[in-house]
Amino acid sequence: MPVYMISRMTIHDRTEYDKYEEQFFGIFEKFEGKLLSVDEEPQVVAGEWSATRSVLIEFPDKPKLFAWLTSPEYQAIGKHRDAGSTAEAIIVKGMEDE
């Protein structure tokens, strides 16, 4: 069953965040991830949204997502993400095929 990670972040140091972004895809693709959306101008339809970026990614299953998230390669670039932004993220299950 596919799983999705939904992130919202506020980038406060673009130079530092760009260091993360430059290395992201090379690592991400090794774990069969699909980038579905990156939006720096999401349309708010309910509540408040103070983040400056939203990201939606898909993985074939939860083990692949966690293999990527906990991989040494991803952990190594995470310092640039953390130095350049603040983020909140959740993982949600996809719908089962009938």
C-alpha atoms as a PDB file:
ATOM      1  CA  MET A   1       0.000   0.000   0.000  1.00  0.00           C
ATOM      2  CA  PRO A   2       1.435   3.417  -0.901  1.00  0.00           C
ATOM      3  CA  VAL A   3       2.232   5.914   1.821  1.00  0.00           C
ATOM      4  CA  TYR A   4       2.580   9.670   1.609  1.00  0.00           C
ATOM      5  CA  MET A   5       4.577  12.213   3.532  1.00  0.00           C
ATOM      6  CA  ILE A   6       3.091  15.671   3.747  1.00  0.00           C
ATOM      7  CA  SER A   7       5.484  18.371   4.898  1.00  0.00           C
ATOM      8  CA  ARG A   8       5.130  22.051   5.459  1.00  0.00           C
ATOM      9  CA  MET A   9       8.146  24.166   6.121  1.00  0.00           C
ATOM     10  CA  THR A  10       9.343  27.684   6.514  1.00  0.00           C
ATOM     11  CA  ILE A  11      12.638  28.376   4.817  1.00  0.00           C
ATOM     12  CA  HIS A  12      14.626  31.007   6.688  1.00  0.00           C
ATOM     13  CA  ASP A  13      18.083  30.466   5.133  1.00  0.00           C
ATOM     14  CA  ARG A  14      17.777  29.743   1.410  1.00  0.00           C
ATOM     15  CA  THR A  15      21.527  29.234   0.941  1.00  0.00           C
ATOM     16  CA  GLU A  16      21.662  26.524   3.605  1.00  0.00           C
ATOM     17  CA  TYR A  17      18.422  24.929   2.389  1.00  0.00           C
ATOM     18  CA  ASP A  18      19.746  24.862  -1.189  1.00  0.00           C
ATOM     19  CA  LYS A  19      22.648  22.675  -0.001  1.00  0.00           C
ATOM     20  CA  TYR A  20      20.054  20.143   1.142  1.00  0.00           C
ATOM     21  CA  GLU A  21      18.011  20.431  -2.030  1.00  0.00           C
ATOM     22  CA  GLU A  22      21.059  19.926  -4.298  1.00  0.00           C
ATOM     23  CA  GLN A  23      21.642  16.455  -2.858  1.00  0.00           C
ATOM     24  CA  PHE A  24      18.040  15.446  -2.190  1.00  0.00           C
ATOM     25  CA  PHE A  25      17.010  13.777  -5.467  1.00  0.00           C
ATOM     26  CA  GLY A  26      20.049  11.540  -5.797  1.00  0.00           C
ATOM     27  CA  ILE A  27      19.221   9.986  -2.442  1.00  0.00           C
ATOM     28  CA  PHE A  28      15.428  10.092  -2.734  1.00  0.00           C
ATOM     29  CA  GLU A  29      15.253   8.203  -6.042  1.00  0.00           C
ATOM     30  CA  LYS A  30      17.292   5.265  -4.674  1.00  0.00           C
ATOM     31  CA  PHE A  31      14.366   4.451  -2.373  1.00  0.00           C
ATOM     32  CA  GLU A  32      11.646   4.546  -5.068  1.00  0.00           C
ATOM     33  CA  GLY A  33      10.201   7.828  -3.850  1.00  0.00           C
ATOM     34  CA  LYS A  34       8.026  10.000  -6.094  1.00  0.00           C
ATOM     35  CA  LEU A  35       7.840  13.738  -5.618  1.00  0.00           C
ATOM     36  CA  LEU A  36       4.196  14.629  -6.235  1.00  0.00           C
ATOM     37  CA  SER A  37       4.134  18.306  -5.305  1.00  0.00           C
ATOM     38  CA  VAL A  38       6.364  21.140  -4.145  1.00  0.00           C
ATOM     39  CA  ASP A  39       4.574  24.444  -3.773  1.00  0.00           C
ATOM     40  CA  GLU A  40       5.844  27.715  -2.371  1.00  0.00           C
ATOM     41  CA  GLU A  41       2.435  29.354  -2.782  1.00  0.00           C
ATOM     42  CA  PRO A  42      -0.146  26.837  -1.530  1.00  0.00           C
ATOM     43  CA  GLN A  43      -3.727  28.044  -1.549  1.00  0.00           C
ATOM     44  CA  VAL A  44      -5.168  28.138   1.960  1.00  0.00           C
ATOM     45  CA  VAL A  45      -8.789  26.991   2.069  1.00  0.00           C
ATOM     46  CA  ALA A  46      -9.245  26.516   5.824  1.00  0.00           C
ATOM     47  CA  GLY A  47      -7.442  27.689   8.941  1.00  0.00           C
ATOM     48  CA  GLU A  48      -4.086  29.410   9.040  1.00  0.00           C
ATOM     49  CA  TRP A  49      -0.987  28.464   7.085  1.00  0.00           C
ATOM     50  CA  SER A  50       2.231  30.247   7.900  1.00  0.00           C
ATOM     51  CA  ALA A  51       4.641  27.863   6.142  1.00  0.00           C
ATOM     52  CA  THR A  52       6.425  29.033   2.993  1.00  0.00           C
ATOM     53  CA  ARG A  53       6.562  25.616   1.277  1.00  0.00           C
ATOM     54  CA  SER A  54       4.518  22.437   1.101  1.00  0.00           C
ATOM     55  CA  VAL A  55       5.835  19.078  -0.127  1.00  0.00           C
ATOM     56  CA  LEU A  56       3.961  15.875  -0.940  1.00  0.00           C
ATOM     57  CA  ILE A  57       5.915  12.671  -1.598  1.00  0.00           C
ATOM     58  CA  GLU A  58       4.899   9.063  -2.213  1.00  0.00           C
ATOM     59  CA  PHE A  59       6.598   5.754  -1.482  1.00  0.00           C
ATOM     60  CA  PRO A  60       5.414   2.262  -2.438  1.00  0.00           C
ATOM     61  CA  ASP A  61       5.234   1.281   1.236  1.00  0.00           C
ATOM     62  CA  LYS A  62       6.150   2.393   4.750  1.00  0.00           C
ATOM     63  CA  PRO A  63       9.383   0.314   4.975  1.00  0.00           C
ATOM     64  CA  LYS A  64      10.800   2.085   1.878  1.00  0.00           C
ATOM     65  CA  LEU A  65       9.864   5.491   3.262  1.00  0.00           C
ATOM     66  CA  PHE A  66      11.563   4.756   6.582  1.00  0.00           C
ATOM     67  CA  ALA A  67      14.587   3.235   4.829  1.00  0.00           C
ATOM     68  CA  TRP A  68      15.010   6.576   3.019  1.00  0.00           C
ATOM     69  CA  LEU A  69      14.265   8.707   6.060  1.00  0.00           C
ATOM     70  CA  THR A  70      16.745   6.862   8.281  1.00  0.00           C
ATOM     71  CA  SER A  71      19.426   6.204   5.645  1.00  0.00           C
ATOM     72  CA  PRO A  72      22.923   7.522   6.441  1.00  0.00           C
ATOM     73  CA  GLU A  73      22.907   9.511   3.173  1.00  0.00           C
ATOM     74  CA  TYR A  74      19.680  11.308   3.997  1.00  0.00           C
ATOM     75  CA  GLN A  75      20.670  11.871   7.602  1.00  0.00           C
ATOM     76  CA  ALA A  76      23.912  13.492   6.386  1.00  0.00           C
ATOM     77  CA  ILE A  77      22.106  16.137   4.318  1.00  0.00           C
ATOM     78  CA  GLY A  78      19.426  16.692   6.960  1.00  0.00           C
ATOM     79  CA  LYS A  79      21.720  19.102   8.793  1.00  0.00           C
ATOM     80  CA  HIS A  80      21.335  21.561   5.891  1.00  0.00           C
ATOM     81  CA  ARG A  81      17.538  21.198   5.906  1.00  0.00           C
ATOM     82  CA  ASP A  82      17.435  21.816   9.650  1.00  0.00           C
ATOM     83  CA  ALA A  83      19.817  24.775   9.452  1.00  0.00           C
ATOM     84  CA  GLY A  84      17.822  26.370   6.632  1.00  0.00           C
ATOM     85  CA  SER A  85      14.249  25.665   7.647  1.00  0.00           C
ATOM     86  CA  THR A  86      11.758  24.579  10.240  1.00  0.00           C
ATOM     87  CA  ALA A  87       9.379  21.806   9.247  1.00  0.00           C
ATOM     88  CA  GLU A  88       6.421  19.719  10.269  1.00  0.00           C
ATOM     89  CA  ALA A  89       5.666  16.415   8.558  1.00  0.00           C
ATOM     90  CA  ILE A  90       3.168  13.595   8.757  1.00  0.00           C
ATOM     91  CA  ILE A  91       2.910  10.185   7.101  1.00  0.00           C
ATOM     92  CA  VAL A  92      -0.467   9.010   5.847  1.00  0.00           C
ATOM     93  CA  LYS A  93      -1.567   5.705   4.324  1.00  0.00           C
ATOM     94  CA  GLY A  94      -2.861   5.506   0.787  1.00  0.00           C
ATOM     95  CA  MET A  95      -6.123   3.829  -0.107  1.00  0.00           C
ATOM     96  CA  GLU A  96      -6.069   0.071  -0.634  1.00  0.00           C
ATOM     97  CA  ASP A  97      -6.906  -1.185  -4.118  1.00  0.00           C
ATOM     98  CA  GLU A  98     -10.216  -2.974  -4.280  1.00  0.00           C
END
